[in-house]
Amino acid sequence: MRPGRRSGGGQVASRTLAGMSAITEASGRSLGRRMLNKVPEVTLYFWVIKIMCTTVGETAADYVYDTLGFGLTKTTWVAGALLVVLLAVQFRLRRYVPVAYWLVVVVISVFGTLITDNMTDRYNVPLTTSTPIFAAILAIVFAVWWGFERTLSIHTIVTTRRETFYWLAILFTFALGTAAGDLVAEKASLGYAVSIAIFGAAIALVAFAHYALKVNAVLTFWLAYILTRPLGASIGDFMSQSSHKYGGLGLGTTGTSYIFLGCIFALVAYLTITRRDQTPQDVVTADIAAHPLHEGHPHTPHHHEPPARPAVQEEG
C-alpha cells in the first residue's frame, strides 16, 4: 500500500463508526431504545413490493371474509390480532429485517382495508364521508409526529417513538387509500382500469415533481405512498373481479392473492440475501444531524446554559 493512501475498507469502517457514534449521541437524548434504521431504503424494490402488498390487502380481505366465510367481523378480529403479534416482533428488533417488516406491511394492508370495509358495509358510512375522515386522521398523525420529531423522514426510524408514528401513518394511509380507491372506481362509476390509469398518472406526476422539479423528498414520498394504496387496490379488483359495469379479468381473490404473495416472497427472500434495500449509514447519520432527536415533549427550543465566566483572581 502506498504511503498516505487509505484503503477503501478503512474508509468504510471509519464512516460506519462515525455514523454509529452520531446515532448513539443523538439517541441518548431521545425517548425509546437506540436502534439502527428500522425501515428499508426507498428503491424500485420498495415500490414494487409495496404495490403488491396493497393488492394483497384488497384481495386477501375479500378472500377470507367472503370465500372462506369468516364474515367481516371475525376477519377484522383475526387480522387485528395477527397485526398486534407481528408488530410486537417488529418493535423488538433493533434493525430492519425484511421478512418481519414486509409481513407487517401485508397484514396492516389487510387490516386497513377492513377498517374501511367496516365503516362502509357495517356502519353504512358513505365513502364520501370516510375518505375525508381518514385524510384528517392521517394529517393529525403527521402533525403530532412533526410536533415531536420535527421531521417525517423514514431515514431515521431509530427510536421506538418514531417507529410508532411511522406505523400509525402507514395504517391510515392504507385506510385512506382503500376509501379513495373505492370512491373513484365504484361510486364515480369509472371502473377498475380507469382507476389504475388515474392513480398511476398521479404517482407519475409526484415522481416528476420530485426528480424534475426537486420538490421535497419527504413530501413526495408520503404522497406516493398514499397513492400506491388505491393503485394497488384497483389492480387487485381488476385482476380478481369480473363486472360488466366496472370491468376486470375475473381471476378470483384466491388466485390473485397467491400470485402476489408468491412474488412478494421471492423479492423479500432476494433482499434478505443481497441486502440491497439497507439504508446506507451515511444517509442515516446525515439525516440525524439535520433533524436531531428530541426528548419526550413536543418540540420546544433547547435550553442552553450560558458559558461559565472565568474566575477572576483577587489582587492581593
C-alpha atoms as a PDB file:
ATOM      1  CA  MET A   1       0.000   0.000   0.000  1.00  0.00           C
ATOM      2  CA  ARG A   2       1.364   3.408  -0.905  1.00  0.00           C
ATOM      3  CA  PRO A   3       2.199   5.784   1.961  1.00  0.00           C
ATOM      4  CA  GLY A   4      -0.522   8.357   2.661  1.00  0.00           C
ATOM      5  CA  ARG A   5      -3.240   6.347   0.849  1.00  0.00           C
ATOM      6  CA  ARG A   6      -6.047   4.876   2.944  1.00  0.00           C
ATOM      7  CA  SER A   7      -7.686   1.596   1.994  1.00  0.00           C
ATOM      8  CA  GLY A   8     -11.351   1.535   0.907  1.00  0.00           C
ATOM      9  CA  GLY A   9     -12.113  -0.810   3.818  1.00  0.00           C
ATOM     10  CA  GLY A  10     -10.593   1.656   6.280  1.00  0.00           C
ATOM     11  CA  GLN A  11     -12.693   4.499   4.897  1.00  0.00           C
ATOM     12  CA  VAL A  12     -15.878   2.441   5.119  1.00  0.00           C
ATOM     13  CA  ALA A  13     -15.061   1.397   8.669  1.00  0.00           C
ATOM     14  CA  SER A  14     -14.340   4.982   9.688  1.00  0.00           C
ATOM     15  CA  ARG A  15     -17.638   6.222   8.200  1.00  0.00           C
ATOM     16  CA  THR A  16     -19.573   3.414   9.864  1.00  0.00           C
ATOM     17  CA  LEU A  17     -18.023   4.066  13.288  1.00  0.00           C
ATOM     18  CA  ALA A  18     -18.650   7.785  12.910  1.00  0.00           C
ATOM     19  CA  GLY A  19     -22.261   7.135  11.962  1.00  0.00           C
ATOM     20  CA  MET A  20     -22.815   4.837  14.923  1.00  0.00           C
ATOM     21  CA  SER A  21     -21.274   7.434  17.235  1.00  0.00           C
ATOM     22  CA  ALA A  22     -23.654  10.081  15.919  1.00  0.00           C
ATOM     23  CA  ILE A  23     -26.667   7.830  16.429  1.00  0.00           C
ATOM     24  CA  THR A  24     -25.519   6.895  19.927  1.00  0.00           C
ATOM     25  CA  GLU A  25     -25.049  10.527  20.924  1.00  0.00           C
ATOM     26  CA  ALA A  26     -28.379  11.656  19.452  1.00  0.00           C
ATOM     27  CA  SER A  27     -30.383   8.732  20.782  1.00  0.00           C
ATOM     28  CA  GLY A  28     -29.191   9.377  24.274  1.00  0.00           C
ATOM     29  CA  ARG A  29     -31.417  12.470  24.233  1.00  0.00           C
ATOM     30  CA  SER A  30     -34.451  10.686  22.776  1.00  0.00           C
ATOM     31  CA  LEU A  31     -37.366   8.653  24.041  1.00  0.00           C
ATOM     32  CA  GLY A  32     -37.044   4.958  23.244  1.00  0.00           C
ATOM     33  CA  ARG A  33     -34.302   2.464  22.574  1.00  0.00           C
ATOM     34  CA  ARG A  34     -31.347   3.197  20.345  1.00  0.00           C
ATOM     35  CA  MET A  35     -31.619   1.174  17.132  1.00  0.00           C
ATOM     36  CA  LEU A  36     -30.425   1.082  13.575  1.00  0.00           C
ATOM     37  CA  ASN A  37     -32.892   2.321  10.968  1.00  0.00           C
ATOM     38  CA  LYS A  38     -35.918   0.019  11.121  1.00  0.00           C
ATOM     39  CA  VAL A  39     -37.327   0.515   7.618  1.00  0.00           C
ATOM     40  CA  PRO A  40     -35.984  -0.178   4.111  1.00  0.00           C
ATOM     41  CA  GLU A  41     -34.338   2.275   1.764  1.00  0.00           C
ATOM     42  CA  VAL A  42     -36.711   3.619  -0.891  1.00  0.00           C
ATOM     43  CA  THR A  43     -35.734   1.756  -4.052  1.00  0.00           C
ATOM     44  CA  LEU A  44     -37.586   0.257  -7.007  1.00  0.00           C
ATOM     45  CA  TYR A  45     -37.885  -2.959  -4.961  1.00  0.00           C
ATOM     46  CA  PHE A  46     -39.636  -0.995  -2.211  1.00  0.00           C
ATOM     47  CA  TRP A  47     -42.317   0.381  -4.522  1.00  0.00           C
ATOM     48  CA  VAL A  48     -42.889  -2.910  -6.342  1.00  0.00           C
ATOM     49  CA  ILE A  49     -43.372  -4.828  -3.082  1.00  0.00           C
ATOM     50  CA  LYS A  50     -45.473  -2.028  -1.605  1.00  0.00           C
ATOM     51  CA  ILE A  51     -47.908  -2.055  -4.537  1.00  0.00           C
ATOM     52  CA  MET A  52     -48.164  -5.850  -4.394  1.00  0.00           C
ATOM     53  CA  CYS A  53     -48.822  -5.683  -0.635  1.00  0.00           C
ATOM     54  CA  THR A  54     -51.680  -3.261  -1.236  1.00  0.00           C
ATOM     55  CA  THR A  55     -53.087  -5.585  -3.867  1.00  0.00           C
ATOM     56  CA  VAL A  56     -52.926  -8.493  -1.412  1.00  0.00           C
ATOM     57  CA  GLY A  57     -54.583  -6.308   1.208  1.00  0.00           C
ATOM     58  CA  GLU A  58     -57.551  -5.845  -1.094  1.00  0.00           C
ATOM     59  CA  THR A  59     -57.881  -9.423  -2.362  1.00  0.00           C
ATOM     60  CA  ALA A  60     -56.913 -11.287   0.831  1.00  0.00           C
ATOM     61  CA  ALA A  61     -59.513  -9.435   2.903  1.00  0.00           C
ATOM     62  CA  ASP A  62     -62.202 -10.340   0.355  1.00  0.00           C
ATOM     63  CA  TYR A  63     -60.926 -13.934   0.220  1.00  0.00           C
ATOM     64  CA  VAL A  64     -61.084 -14.502   3.981  1.00  0.00           C
ATOM     65  CA  TYR A  65     -64.447 -12.950   4.793  1.00  0.00           C
ATOM     66  CA  ASP A  66     -66.215 -13.842   1.533  1.00  0.00           C
ATOM     67  CA  THR A  67     -64.692 -17.012   0.076  1.00  0.00           C
ATOM     68  CA  LEU A  68     -63.807 -18.677   3.405  1.00  0.00           C
ATOM     69  CA  GLY A  69     -66.975 -17.370   5.028  1.00  0.00           C
ATOM     70  CA  PHE A  70     -65.385 -15.786   8.100  1.00  0.00           C
ATOM     71  CA  GLY A  71     -67.546 -12.718   7.785  1.00  0.00           C
ATOM     72  CA  LEU A  72     -66.415  -9.150   8.177  1.00  0.00           C
ATOM     73  CA  THR A  73     -66.350  -9.023  11.984  1.00  0.00           C
ATOM     74  CA  LYS A  74     -64.376 -12.247  12.553  1.00  0.00           C
ATOM     75  CA  THR A  75     -61.947 -11.392   9.774  1.00  0.00           C
ATOM     76  CA  THR A  76     -61.301  -7.993  11.348  1.00  0.00           C
ATOM     77  CA  TRP A  77     -60.584  -9.517  14.763  1.00  0.00           C
ATOM     78  CA  VAL A  78     -58.278 -12.168  13.306  1.00  0.00           C
ATOM     79  CA  ALA A  79     -56.371  -9.641  11.210  1.00  0.00           C
ATOM     80  CA  GLY A  80     -56.118  -7.265  14.172  1.00  0.00           C
ATOM     81  CA  ALA A  81     -54.764  -9.962  16.489  1.00  0.00           C
ATOM     82  CA  LEU A  82     -52.227 -11.097  13.895  1.00  0.00           C
ATOM     83  CA  LEU A  83     -51.139  -7.494  13.341  1.00  0.00           C
ATOM     84  CA  VAL A  84     -50.550  -6.992  17.077  1.00  0.00           C
ATOM     85  CA  VAL A  85     -48.336 -10.088  17.212  1.00  0.00           C
ATOM     86  CA  LEU A  86     -46.321  -9.090  14.134  1.00  0.00           C
ATOM     87  CA  LEU A  87     -45.895  -5.515  15.386  1.00  0.00           C
ATOM     88  CA  ALA A  88     -44.651  -6.843  18.731  1.00  0.00           C
ATOM     89  CA  VAL A  89     -41.978  -8.818  16.865  1.00  0.00           C
ATOM     90  CA  GLN A  90     -41.104  -5.820  14.671  1.00  0.00           C
ATOM     91  CA  PHE A  91     -40.730  -3.487  17.665  1.00  0.00           C
ATOM     92  CA  ARG A  92     -38.414  -5.919  19.460  1.00  0.00           C
ATOM     93  CA  LEU A  93     -35.968  -5.927  16.574  1.00  0.00           C
ATOM     94  CA  ARG A  94     -33.141  -3.392  16.638  1.00  0.00           C
ATOM     95  CA  ARG A  95     -32.660  -3.140  12.883  1.00  0.00           C
ATOM     96  CA  TYR A  96     -34.505  -3.592   9.602  1.00  0.00           C
ATOM     97  CA  VAL A  97     -35.293  -7.256   8.889  1.00  0.00           C
ATOM     98  CA  PRO A  98     -37.049  -7.676   5.503  1.00  0.00           C
ATOM     99  CA  VAL A  99     -39.245 -10.663   6.437  1.00  0.00           C
ATOM    100  CA  ALA A 100     -40.533  -9.093   9.662  1.00  0.00           C
ATOM    101  CA  TYR A 101     -41.062  -5.666   8.096  1.00  0.00           C
ATOM    102  CA  TRP A 102     -42.945  -6.826   4.999  1.00  0.00           C
ATOM    103  CA  LEU A 103     -45.101  -9.277   6.964  1.00  0.00           C
ATOM    104  CA  VAL A 104     -46.327  -6.294   8.968  1.00  0.00           C
ATOM    105  CA  VAL A 105     -46.990  -4.331   5.777  1.00  0.00           C
ATOM    106  CA  VAL A 106     -49.012  -7.194   4.253  1.00  0.00           C
ATOM    107  CA  VAL A 107     -51.177  -7.637   7.352  1.00  0.00           C
ATOM    108  CA  ILE A 108     -51.555  -3.908   8.018  1.00  0.00           C
ATOM    109  CA  SER A 109     -52.744  -3.535   4.419  1.00  0.00           C
ATOM    110  CA  VAL A 110     -55.422  -6.173   5.112  1.00  0.00           C
ATOM    111  CA  PHE A 111     -56.399  -4.519   8.403  1.00  0.00           C
ATOM    112  CA  GLY A 112     -56.501  -1.052   6.847  1.00  0.00           C
ATOM    113  CA  THR A 113     -58.808  -2.388   4.146  1.00  0.00           C
ATOM    114  CA  LEU A 114     -61.061  -3.947   6.784  1.00  0.00           C
ATOM    115  CA  ILE A 115     -61.331  -0.657   8.682  1.00  0.00           C
ATOM    116  CA  THR A 116     -62.781   0.974   5.589  1.00  0.00           C
ATOM    117  CA  ASP A 117     -64.975  -2.034   4.795  1.00  0.00           C
ATOM    118  CA  ASN A 118     -66.414  -1.991   8.335  1.00  0.00           C
ATOM    119  CA  MET A 119     -67.262   1.684   8.098  1.00  0.00           C
ATOM    120  CA  THR A 120     -68.858   1.227   4.667  1.00  0.00           C
ATOM    121  CA  ASP A 121     -70.635  -2.129   4.976  1.00  0.00           C
ATOM    122  CA  ARG A 122     -71.296  -2.456   8.708  1.00  0.00           C
ATOM    123  CA  TYR A 123     -71.883   1.123   9.822  1.00  0.00           C
ATOM    124  CA  ASN A 124     -73.132   2.480   6.475  1.00  0.00           C
ATOM    125  CA  VAL A 125     -70.703   5.393   6.432  1.00  0.00           C
ATOM    126  CA  PRO A 126     -70.544   6.615   2.823  1.00  0.00           C
ATOM    127  CA  LEU A 127     -67.160   6.737   1.102  1.00  0.00           C
ATOM    128  CA  THR A 128     -67.657  10.449   0.527  1.00  0.00           C
ATOM    129  CA  THR A 129     -67.555  10.788   4.327  1.00  0.00           C
ATOM    130  CA  SER A 130     -64.954   8.166   5.301  1.00  0.00           C
ATOM    131  CA  THR A 131     -62.384   9.400   2.772  1.00  0.00           C
ATOM    132  CA  PRO A 132     -62.060  12.908   4.273  1.00  0.00           C
ATOM    133  CA  ILE A 133     -62.225  11.419   7.792  1.00  0.00           C
ATOM    134  CA  PHE A 134     -59.213   9.191   7.114  1.00  0.00           C
ATOM    135  CA  ALA A 135     -57.434  12.091   5.416  1.00  0.00           C
ATOM    136  CA  ALA A 136     -57.963  14.216   8.543  1.00  0.00           C
ATOM    137  CA  ILE A 137     -56.762  11.446  10.875  1.00  0.00           C
ATOM    138  CA  LEU A 138     -53.645  10.929   8.761  1.00  0.00           C
ATOM    139  CA  ALA A 139     -52.988  14.683   8.802  1.00  0.00           C
ATOM    140  CA  ILE A 140     -53.253  14.652  12.613  1.00  0.00           C
ATOM    141  CA  VAL A 141     -50.784  11.749  12.852  1.00  0.00           C
ATOM    142  CA  PHE A 142     -48.321  13.626  10.660  1.00  0.00           C
ATOM    143  CA  ALA A 143     -48.818  16.847  12.648  1.00  0.00           C
ATOM    144  CA  VAL A 144     -48.188  15.152  16.004  1.00  0.00           C
ATOM    145  CA  TRP A 145     -45.200  13.264  14.573  1.00  0.00           C
ATOM    146  CA  TRP A 146     -43.767  16.543  13.277  1.00  0.00           C
ATOM    147  CA  GLY A 147     -44.509  18.257  16.579  1.00  0.00           C
ATOM    148  CA  PHE A 148     -42.416  15.748  18.487  1.00  0.00           C
ATOM    149  CA  GLU A 149     -39.650  14.997  15.984  1.00  0.00           C
ATOM    150  CA  ARG A 150     -39.522  17.957  13.556  1.00  0.00           C
ATOM    151  CA  THR A 151     -39.174  15.508  10.664  1.00  0.00           C
ATOM    152  CA  LEU A 152     -41.242  12.878   8.847  1.00  0.00           C
ATOM    153  CA  SER A 153     -38.204  11.279   7.225  1.00  0.00           C
ATOM    154  CA  ILE A 154     -38.066   7.493   7.073  1.00  0.00           C
ATOM    155  CA  HIS A 155     -34.242   7.508   7.091  1.00  0.00           C
ATOM    156  CA  THR A 156     -34.135   7.922  10.862  1.00  0.00           C
ATOM    157  CA  ILE A 157     -36.687   5.482  12.278  1.00  0.00           C
ATOM    158  CA  VAL A 158     -34.204   4.726  15.056  1.00  0.00           C
ATOM    159  CA  THR A 159     -36.337   5.076  18.201  1.00  0.00           C
ATOM    160  CA  THR A 160     -39.472   3.364  19.425  1.00  0.00           C
ATOM    161  CA  ARG A 161     -41.433   6.621  19.333  1.00  0.00           C
ATOM    162  CA  ARG A 162     -40.544   7.357  15.704  1.00  0.00           C
ATOM    163  CA  GLU A 163     -41.412   3.804  14.743  1.00  0.00           C
ATOM    164  CA  THR A 164     -44.785   4.134  16.483  1.00  0.00           C
ATOM    165  CA  PHE A 165     -45.609   7.268  14.475  1.00  0.00           C
ATOM    166  CA  TYR A 166     -44.395   5.517  11.311  1.00  0.00           C
ATOM    167  CA  TRP A 167     -46.721   2.531  11.670  1.00  0.00           C
ATOM    168  CA  LEU A 168     -49.685   4.724  12.643  1.00  0.00           C
ATOM    169  CA  ALA A 169     -49.131   6.714   9.460  1.00  0.00           C
ATOM    170  CA  ILE A 170     -48.850   3.507   7.413  1.00  0.00           C
ATOM    171  CA  LEU A 171     -52.126   2.158   8.858  1.00  0.00           C
ATOM    172  CA  PHE A 172     -54.122   5.244   7.950  1.00  0.00           C
ATOM    173  CA  THR A 173     -52.549   5.558   4.500  1.00  0.00           C
ATOM    174  CA  PHE A 174     -53.986   2.101   3.804  1.00  0.00           C
ATOM    175  CA  ALA A 175     -57.421   3.015   5.199  1.00  0.00           C
ATOM    176  CA  LEU A 176     -57.441   6.290   3.265  1.00  0.00           C
ATOM    177  CA  GLY A 177     -56.206   4.643   0.071  1.00  0.00           C
ATOM    178  CA  THR A 178     -58.899   1.963   0.248  1.00  0.00           C
ATOM    179  CA  ALA A 179     -61.649   4.529   0.702  1.00  0.00           C
ATOM    180  CA  ALA A 180     -60.306   6.805  -2.046  1.00  0.00           C
ATOM    181  CA  GLY A 181     -59.828   3.901  -4.459  1.00  0.00           C
ATOM    182  CA  ASP A 182     -63.342   2.569  -3.921  1.00  0.00           C
ATOM    183  CA  LEU A 183     -64.757   6.079  -4.217  1.00  0.00           C
ATOM    184  CA  VAL A 184     -63.136   6.622  -7.616  1.00  0.00           C
ATOM    185  CA  ALA A 185     -63.670   3.126  -9.035  1.00  0.00           C
ATOM    186  CA  GLU A 186     -67.203   2.361  -7.845  1.00  0.00           C
ATOM    187  CA  LYS A 187     -69.031   5.431  -6.601  1.00  0.00           C
ATOM    188  CA  ALA A 188     -67.780   7.514  -9.518  1.00  0.00           C
ATOM    189  CA  SER A 189     -68.521   4.520 -11.820  1.00  0.00           C
ATOM    190  CA  LEU A 190     -65.197   4.890 -13.631  1.00  0.00           C
ATOM    191  CA  GLY A 191     -64.238   1.218 -13.455  1.00  0.00           C
ATOM    192  CA  TYR A 192     -61.077  -0.506 -12.301  1.00  0.00           C
ATOM    193  CA  ALA A 193     -58.959   0.068 -15.429  1.00  0.00           C
ATOM    194  CA  VAL A 194     -59.677   3.804 -15.436  1.00  0.00           C
ATOM    195  CA  SER A 195     -58.851   3.962 -11.713  1.00  0.00           C
ATOM    196  CA  ILE A 196     -55.487   2.284 -12.377  1.00  0.00           C
ATOM    197  CA  ALA A 197     -54.770   4.888 -15.054  1.00  0.00           C
ATOM    198  CA  ILE A 198     -55.799   7.790 -12.802  1.00  0.00           C
ATOM    199  CA  PHE A 199     -53.743   6.762  -9.774  1.00  0.00           C
ATOM    200  CA  GLY A 200     -50.820   5.662 -11.946  1.00  0.00           C
ATOM    201  CA  ALA A 201     -50.783   9.081 -13.591  1.00  0.00           C
ATOM    202  CA  ALA A 202     -50.964  10.781 -10.184  1.00  0.00           C
ATOM    203  CA  ILE A 203     -47.921   8.820  -9.000  1.00  0.00           C
ATOM    204  CA  ALA A 204     -46.093   9.718 -12.208  1.00  0.00           C
ATOM    205  CA  LEU A 205     -46.796  13.408 -11.505  1.00  0.00           C
ATOM    206  CA  VAL A 206     -45.404  13.036  -7.979  1.00  0.00           C
ATOM    207  CA  ALA A 207     -42.280  11.352  -9.362  1.00  0.00           C
ATOM    208  CA  PHE A 208     -41.885  14.179 -11.893  1.00  0.00           C
ATOM    209  CA  ALA A 209     -42.237  16.759  -9.123  1.00  0.00           C
ATOM    210  CA  HIS A 210     -39.537  15.020  -7.108  1.00  0.00           C
ATOM    211  CA  TYR A 211     -36.965  14.296  -9.822  1.00  0.00           C
ATOM    212  CA  ALA A 212     -37.537  17.199 -12.223  1.00  0.00           C
ATOM    213  CA  LEU A 213     -38.832  19.998 -10.002  1.00  0.00           C
ATOM    214  CA  LYS A 214     -36.842  18.945  -6.902  1.00  0.00           C
ATOM    215  CA  VAL A 215     -39.886  19.044  -4.629  1.00  0.00           C
ATOM    216  CA  ASN A 216     -39.144  17.966  -1.053  1.00  0.00           C
ATOM    217  CA  ALA A 217     -38.279  14.245  -0.906  1.00  0.00           C
ATOM    218  CA  VAL A 218     -40.187  13.556   2.325  1.00  0.00           C
ATOM    219  CA  LEU A 219     -43.363  15.189   0.990  1.00  0.00           C
ATOM    220  CA  THR A 220     -43.240  13.356  -2.340  1.00  0.00           C
ATOM    221  CA  PHE A 221     -42.506  10.044  -0.607  1.00  0.00           C
ATOM    222  CA  TRP A 222     -45.628  10.212   1.552  1.00  0.00           C
ATOM    223  CA  LEU A 223     -47.773  11.427  -1.344  1.00  0.00           C
ATOM    224  CA  ALA A 224     -46.613   8.479  -3.443  1.00  0.00           C
ATOM    225  CA  TYR A 225     -47.107   6.106  -0.513  1.00  0.00           C
ATOM    226  CA  ILE A 226     -50.716   7.214  -0.106  1.00  0.00           C
ATOM    227  CA  LEU A 227     -51.415   6.950  -3.844  1.00  0.00           C
ATOM    228  CA  THR A 228     -49.949   3.444  -4.191  1.00  0.00           C
ATOM    229  CA  ARG A 229     -52.717   2.140  -1.923  1.00  0.00           C
ATOM    230  CA  PRO A 230     -55.647   2.925  -4.267  1.00  0.00           C
ATOM    231  CA  LEU A 231     -53.460   1.932  -7.216  1.00  0.00           C
ATOM    232  CA  GLY A 232     -52.788  -1.494  -5.696  1.00  0.00           C
ATOM    233  CA  ALA A 233     -56.416  -1.890  -4.660  1.00  0.00           C
ATOM    234  CA  SER A 234     -57.578  -1.074  -8.184  1.00  0.00           C
ATOM    235  CA  ILE A 235     -55.098  -3.587  -9.612  1.00  0.00           C
ATOM    236  CA  GLY A 236     -56.358  -6.224  -7.175  1.00  0.00           C
ATOM    237  CA  ASP A 237     -60.000  -5.590  -8.052  1.00  0.00           C
ATOM    238  CA  PHE A 238     -59.222  -5.520 -11.780  1.00  0.00           C
ATOM    239  CA  MET A 239     -57.487  -8.908 -11.609  1.00  0.00           C
ATOM    240  CA  SER A 240     -59.871 -10.644  -9.215  1.00  0.00           C
ATOM    241  CA  GLN A 241     -63.298  -9.251 -10.150  1.00  0.00           C
ATOM    242  CA  SER A 242     -65.412  -9.591 -13.268  1.00  0.00           C
ATOM    243  CA  SER A 243     -68.101  -6.979 -13.717  1.00  0.00           C
ATOM    244  CA  HIS A 244     -69.910  -5.641 -16.770  1.00  0.00           C
ATOM    245  CA  LYS A 245     -70.016  -2.238 -15.098  1.00  0.00           C
ATOM    246  CA  TYR A 246     -66.508  -1.972 -13.611  1.00  0.00           C
ATOM    247  CA  GLY A 247     -64.548  -4.483 -15.744  1.00  0.00           C
ATOM    248  CA  GLY A 248     -61.952  -6.980 -14.505  1.00  0.00           C
ATOM    249  CA  LEU A 249     -60.153 -10.167 -15.504  1.00  0.00           C
ATOM    250  CA  GLY A 250     -62.112 -12.443 -13.156  1.00  0.00           C
ATOM    251  CA  LEU A 251     -59.124 -14.403 -11.791  1.00  0.00           C
ATOM    252  CA  GLY A 252     -60.732 -14.580  -8.369  1.00  0.00           C
ATOM    253  CA  THR A 253     -59.439 -13.459  -4.980  1.00  0.00           C
ATOM    254  CA  THR A 254     -57.715 -16.802  -4.316  1.00  0.00           C
ATOM    255  CA  GLY A 255     -55.615 -16.846  -7.476  1.00  0.00           C
ATOM    256  CA  THR A 256     -54.796 -13.146  -7.312  1.00  0.00           C
ATOM    257  CA  SER A 257     -53.722 -13.350  -3.657  1.00  0.00           C
ATOM    258  CA  TYR A 258     -51.466 -16.371  -4.266  1.00  0.00           C
ATOM    259  CA  ILE A 259     -49.848 -14.773  -7.323  1.00  0.00           C
ATOM    260  CA  PHE A 260     -48.894 -11.606  -5.480  1.00  0.00           C
ATOM    261  CA  LEU A 261     -47.922 -13.366  -2.242  1.00  0.00           C
ATOM    262  CA  GLY A 262     -45.556 -15.575  -4.246  1.00  0.00           C
ATOM    263  CA  CYS A 263     -43.980 -12.536  -5.904  1.00  0.00           C
ATOM    264  CA  ILE A 264     -43.622 -10.765  -2.548  1.00  0.00           C
ATOM    265  CA  PHE A 265     -42.000 -13.841  -1.004  1.00  0.00           C
ATOM    266  CA  ALA A 266     -39.487 -14.128  -3.859  1.00  0.00           C
ATOM    267  CA  LEU A 267     -38.496 -10.441  -3.693  1.00  0.00           C
ATOM    268  CA  VAL A 268     -38.212 -10.404   0.108  1.00  0.00           C
ATOM    269  CA  ALA A 269     -36.030 -13.519   0.006  1.00  0.00           C
ATOM    270  CA  TYR A 270     -33.808 -11.828  -2.588  1.00  0.00           C
ATOM    271  CA  LEU A 271     -33.500  -8.670  -0.482  1.00  0.00           C
ATOM    272  CA  THR A 272     -32.766 -10.694   2.653  1.00  0.00           C
ATOM    273  CA  ILE A 273     -29.852 -12.371   0.892  1.00  0.00           C
ATOM    274  CA  THR A 274     -28.475  -9.389  -1.016  1.00  0.00           C
ATOM    275  CA  ARG A 275     -29.373  -6.600   1.478  1.00  0.00           C
ATOM    276  CA  ARG A 276     -29.943  -4.306  -1.485  1.00  0.00           C
ATOM    277  CA  ASP A 277     -32.524  -2.234   0.419  1.00  0.00           C
ATOM    278  CA  GLN A 278     -30.496  -1.417   3.533  1.00  0.00           C
ATOM    279  CA  THR A 279     -30.326   2.323   4.233  1.00  0.00           C
ATOM    280  CA  PRO A 280     -26.683   3.487   3.912  1.00  0.00           C
ATOM    281  CA  GLN A 281     -25.257   4.520   7.267  1.00  0.00           C
ATOM    282  CA  ASP A 282     -24.044   7.884   5.959  1.00  0.00           C
ATOM    283  CA  VAL A 283     -27.629   8.724   4.927  1.00  0.00           C
ATOM    284  CA  VAL A 284     -28.908   7.949   8.445  1.00  0.00           C
ATOM    285  CA  THR A 285     -26.108   9.976  10.028  1.00  0.00           C
ATOM    286  CA  ALA A 286     -26.716  12.993   7.789  1.00  0.00           C
ATOM    287  CA  ASP A 287     -30.463  12.877   8.437  1.00  0.00           C
ATOM    288  CA  ILE A 288     -29.988  12.715  12.211  1.00  0.00           C
ATOM    289  CA  ALA A 289     -27.559  15.624  12.020  1.00  0.00           C
ATOM    290  CA  ALA A 290     -30.154  17.651  10.093  1.00  0.00           C
ATOM    291  CA  HIS A 291     -33.055  16.621  12.370  1.00  0.00           C
ATOM    292  CA  PRO A 292     -31.737  15.841  15.881  1.00  0.00           C
ATOM    293  CA  LEU A 293     -33.739  13.503  18.077  1.00  0.00           C
ATOM    294  CA  HIS A 294     -35.798  15.300  20.720  1.00  0.00           C
ATOM    295  CA  GLU A 295     -36.924  14.319  24.180  1.00  0.00           C
ATOM    296  CA  GLY A 296     -40.395  13.288  25.274  1.00  0.00           C
ATOM    297  CA  HIS A 297     -42.242  16.584  24.732  1.00  0.00           C
ATOM    298  CA  PRO A 298     -43.327  18.360  21.549  1.00  0.00           C
ATOM    299  CA  HIS A 299     -40.662  20.485  20.006  1.00  0.00           C
ATOM    300  CA  THR A 300     -39.509  23.353  22.179  1.00  0.00           C
ATOM    301  CA  PRO A 301     -36.277  25.296  21.944  1.00  0.00           C
ATOM    302  CA  HIS A 302     -33.477  23.617  23.849  1.00  0.00           C
ATOM    303  CA  HIS A 303     -32.309  25.452  26.922  1.00  0.00           C
ATOM    304  CA  HIS A 304     -28.679  26.354  26.751  1.00  0.00           C
ATOM    305  CA  GLU A 305     -26.727  27.287  29.849  1.00  0.00           C
ATOM    306  CA  PRO A 306     -24.626  30.405  29.451  1.00  0.00           C
ATOM    307  CA  PRO A 307     -20.921  29.715  29.417  1.00  0.00           C
ATOM    308  CA  ALA A 308     -19.285  29.976  32.811  1.00  0.00           C
ATOM    309  CA  ARG A 309     -17.291  33.076  33.379  1.00  0.00           C
ATOM    310  CA  PRO A 310     -13.633  32.562  34.074  1.00  0.00           C
ATOM    311  CA  ALA A 311     -12.653  33.015  37.678  1.00  0.00           C
ATOM    312  CA  VAL A 312     -11.202  36.420  38.455  1.00  0.00           C
ATOM    313  CA  GLN A 313      -8.248  36.369  40.759  1.00  0.00           C
ATOM    314  CA  GLU A 314      -8.399  38.928  43.520  1.00  0.00           C
ATOM    315  CA  GLU A 315      -5.469  41.252  43.679  1.00  0.00           C
ATOM    316  CA  GLY A 316      -3.627  40.750  46.842  1.00  0.00           C
END
